[in-house]
Amino acid sequence: MLSAFEDAFTHCFLIEEGGQVCGYACLLVLFEDAEIENIAVDLDYRGQGISKLLMQAMHDKAKQLGAKRCLLEVRVSNQVARSLYEKYGYESYGVRKRY
């Protein structure tokens, strides 16, 4: 994960409180496409709007860099993540076998 902080095309966001990492997200932007690489919120901080702040930060950065669409991959079984993404208008385009 540390290598993502050194990549010119990857933009990482971190939310912390009192030195404790509450959540983070990484976004890859290449030309007109942005891809959410990762988003995570510590169990103790879930339900406090942190994922909303991270999603907004990623969308703002993607737009600032000229991305026209934002993509991501998520396991079908990860209902929590799927609900979050659907709340932001993401739609399913397909399912990878054995993902």
C-alpha atoms as a PDB file:
ATOM      1  CA  MET A   1       0.000   0.000   0.000  1.00  0.00           C
ATOM      2  CA  LEU A   2       2.841   2.388   0.718  1.00  0.00           C
ATOM      3  CA  SER A   3       3.841   2.391  -2.965  1.00  0.00           C
ATOM      4  CA  ALA A   4       0.547   4.092  -3.853  1.00  0.00           C
ATOM      5  CA  PHE A   5       1.760   7.217  -2.076  1.00  0.00           C
ATOM      6  CA  GLU A   6       4.699   7.430  -4.489  1.00  0.00           C
ATOM      7  CA  ASP A   7       2.672   7.026  -7.717  1.00  0.00           C
ATOM      8  CA  ALA A   8       2.008  10.277  -9.629  1.00  0.00           C
ATOM      9  CA  PHE A   9      -1.359   8.982 -10.867  1.00  0.00           C
ATOM     10  CA  THR A  10      -2.642   7.734  -7.516  1.00  0.00           C
ATOM     11  CA  HIS A  11      -4.173  10.170  -5.046  1.00  0.00           C
ATOM     12  CA  CYS A  12      -4.607   9.044  -1.462  1.00  0.00           C
ATOM     13  CA  PHE A  13      -6.761  10.596   1.225  1.00  0.00           C
ATOM     14  CA  LEU A  14      -6.457  10.057   4.963  1.00  0.00           C
ATOM     15  CA  ILE A  15      -8.755  11.050   7.792  1.00  0.00           C
ATOM     16  CA  GLU A  16      -7.353  10.906  11.288  1.00  0.00           C
ATOM     17  CA  GLU A  17      -8.340  12.027  14.731  1.00  0.00           C
ATOM     18  CA  GLY A  18      -5.784  12.467  17.484  1.00  0.00           C
ATOM     19  CA  GLY A  19      -3.202  10.435  15.609  1.00  0.00           C
ATOM     20  CA  GLN A  20      -5.642   7.562  15.025  1.00  0.00           C
ATOM     21  CA  VAL A  21      -6.350   6.688  11.392  1.00  0.00           C
ATOM     22  CA  CYS A  22     -10.126   6.730  10.959  1.00  0.00           C
ATOM     23  CA  GLY A  23     -10.225   5.990   7.243  1.00  0.00           C
ATOM     24  CA  TYR A  24      -8.377   6.237   3.979  1.00  0.00           C
ATOM     25  CA  ALA A  25      -9.009   6.009   0.250  1.00  0.00           C
ATOM     26  CA  CYS A  26      -6.917   5.802  -2.909  1.00  0.00           C
ATOM     27  CA  LEU A  27      -7.936   6.928  -6.365  1.00  0.00           C
ATOM     28  CA  LEU A  28      -6.125   6.252  -9.638  1.00  0.00           C
ATOM     29  CA  VAL A  29      -6.683   8.852 -12.379  1.00  0.00           C
ATOM     30  CA  LEU A  30      -5.554   8.223 -15.943  1.00  0.00           C
ATOM     31  CA  PHE A  31      -6.832  10.662 -18.554  1.00  0.00           C
ATOM     32  CA  GLU A  32     -10.664  10.546 -18.625  1.00  0.00           C
ATOM     33  CA  ASP A  33     -10.943   7.558 -16.276  1.00  0.00           C
ATOM     34  CA  ALA A  34     -10.720   7.465 -12.518  1.00  0.00           C
ATOM     35  CA  GLU A  35     -10.746   4.235 -10.555  1.00  0.00           C
ATOM     36  CA  ILE A  36     -11.354   3.820  -6.860  1.00  0.00           C
ATOM     37  CA  GLU A  37      -8.554   1.541  -5.755  1.00  0.00           C
ATOM     38  CA  ASN A  38      -9.409   1.298  -2.081  1.00  0.00           C
ATOM     39  CA  ILE A  39     -11.568   2.812   0.623  1.00  0.00           C
ATOM     40  CA  ALA A  40     -11.582   1.711   4.241  1.00  0.00           C
ATOM     41  CA  VAL A  41     -12.981   3.018   7.500  1.00  0.00           C
ATOM     42  CA  ASP A  42     -11.901   1.706  10.900  1.00  0.00           C
ATOM     43  CA  LEU A  43     -14.673  -0.257  12.618  1.00  0.00           C
ATOM     44  CA  ASP A  44     -14.717   2.182  15.554  1.00  0.00           C
ATOM     45  CA  TYR A  45     -15.439   5.105  13.205  1.00  0.00           C
ATOM     46  CA  ARG A  46     -18.082   3.608  10.936  1.00  0.00           C
ATOM     47  CA  GLY A  47     -21.439   5.338  10.761  1.00  0.00           C
ATOM     48  CA  GLN A  48     -19.905   8.787  11.298  1.00  0.00           C
ATOM     49  CA  GLY A  49     -19.830   9.986   7.682  1.00  0.00           C
ATOM     50  CA  ILE A  50     -16.180   9.250   7.038  1.00  0.00           C
ATOM     51  CA  SER A  51     -16.853   7.221   3.904  1.00  0.00           C
ATOM     52  CA  LYS A  52     -18.944  10.134   2.618  1.00  0.00           C
ATOM     53  CA  LEU A  53     -16.035  12.539   3.125  1.00  0.00           C
ATOM     54  CA  LEU A  54     -13.637  10.154   1.394  1.00  0.00           C
ATOM     55  CA  MET A  55     -15.968   9.555  -1.547  1.00  0.00           C
ATOM     56  CA  GLN A  56     -16.498  13.297  -1.970  1.00  0.00           C
ATOM     57  CA  ALA A  57     -12.750  13.953  -1.849  1.00  0.00           C
ATOM     58  CA  MET A  58     -12.134  11.329  -4.527  1.00  0.00           C
ATOM     59  CA  HIS A  59     -14.926  12.633  -6.764  1.00  0.00           C
ATOM     60  CA  ASP A  60     -13.677  16.211  -6.402  1.00  0.00           C
ATOM     61  CA  LYS A  61     -10.100  15.181  -7.266  1.00  0.00           C
ATOM     62  CA  ALA A  62     -11.233  13.116 -10.266  1.00  0.00           C
ATOM     63  CA  LYS A  63     -13.262  16.036 -11.585  1.00  0.00           C
ATOM     64  CA  GLN A  64     -10.394  18.481 -10.978  1.00  0.00           C
ATOM     65  CA  LEU A  65      -8.106  16.237 -13.043  1.00  0.00           C
ATOM     66  CA  GLY A  66     -10.592  15.978 -15.914  1.00  0.00           C
ATOM     67  CA  ALA A  67     -11.929  12.467 -15.372  1.00  0.00           C
ATOM     68  CA  LYS A  68     -15.236  11.838 -17.134  1.00  0.00           C
ATOM     69  CA  ARG A  69     -16.143   8.625 -15.324  1.00  0.00           C
ATOM     70  CA  CYS A  70     -15.222   6.793 -12.161  1.00  0.00           C
ATOM     71  CA  LEU A  71     -14.948   3.027 -11.988  1.00  0.00           C
ATOM     72  CA  LEU A  72     -14.338   0.446  -9.294  1.00  0.00           C
ATOM     73  CA  GLU A  73     -14.421  -3.257  -8.613  1.00  0.00           C
ATOM     74  CA  VAL A  74     -16.168  -4.789  -5.632  1.00  0.00           C
ATOM     75  CA  ARG A  75     -17.030  -8.333  -4.668  1.00  0.00           C
ATOM     76  CA  VAL A  76     -20.681  -9.233  -5.150  1.00  0.00           C
ATOM     77  CA  SER A  77     -20.679 -10.510  -1.557  1.00  0.00           C
ATOM     78  CA  ASN A  78     -19.506  -7.138  -0.133  1.00  0.00           C
ATOM     79  CA  GLN A  79     -22.957  -5.686   0.440  1.00  0.00           C
ATOM     80  CA  VAL A  80     -21.734  -2.859   2.694  1.00  0.00           C
ATOM     81  CA  ALA A  81     -19.436  -1.514  -0.029  1.00  0.00           C
ATOM     82  CA  ARG A  82     -21.999  -2.067  -2.761  1.00  0.00           C
ATOM     83  CA  SER A  83     -24.592  -0.087  -0.780  1.00  0.00           C
ATOM     84  CA  LEU A  84     -22.127   2.778  -0.351  1.00  0.00           C
ATOM     85  CA  TYR A  85     -21.313   2.890  -4.051  1.00  0.00           C
ATOM     86  CA  GLU A  86     -24.953   2.625  -5.107  1.00  0.00           C
ATOM     87  CA  LYS A  87     -25.721   5.596  -2.865  1.00  0.00           C
ATOM     88  CA  TYR A  88     -23.316   7.597  -5.047  1.00  0.00           C
ATOM     89  CA  GLY A  89     -24.917   6.471  -8.295  1.00  0.00           C
ATOM     90  CA  TYR A  90     -22.558   3.660  -9.247  1.00  0.00           C
ATOM     91  CA  GLU A  91     -24.094   0.958 -11.390  1.00  0.00           C
ATOM     92  CA  SER A  92     -23.038  -2.611 -12.067  1.00  0.00           C
ATOM     93  CA  TYR A  93     -21.650  -3.209 -15.552  1.00  0.00           C
ATOM     94  CA  GLY A  94     -20.651  -6.812 -15.161  1.00  0.00           C
ATOM     95  CA  VAL A  95     -19.360  -9.530 -12.907  1.00  0.00           C
ATOM     96  CA  ARG A  96     -15.870 -11.010 -13.109  1.00  0.00           C
ATOM     97  CA  LYS A  97     -15.773 -14.742 -12.637  1.00  0.00           C
ATOM     98  CA  ARG A  98     -14.039 -15.804  -9.404  1.00  0.00           C
ATOM     99  CA  TYR A  99     -13.433 -12.199  -8.246  1.00  0.00           C
END
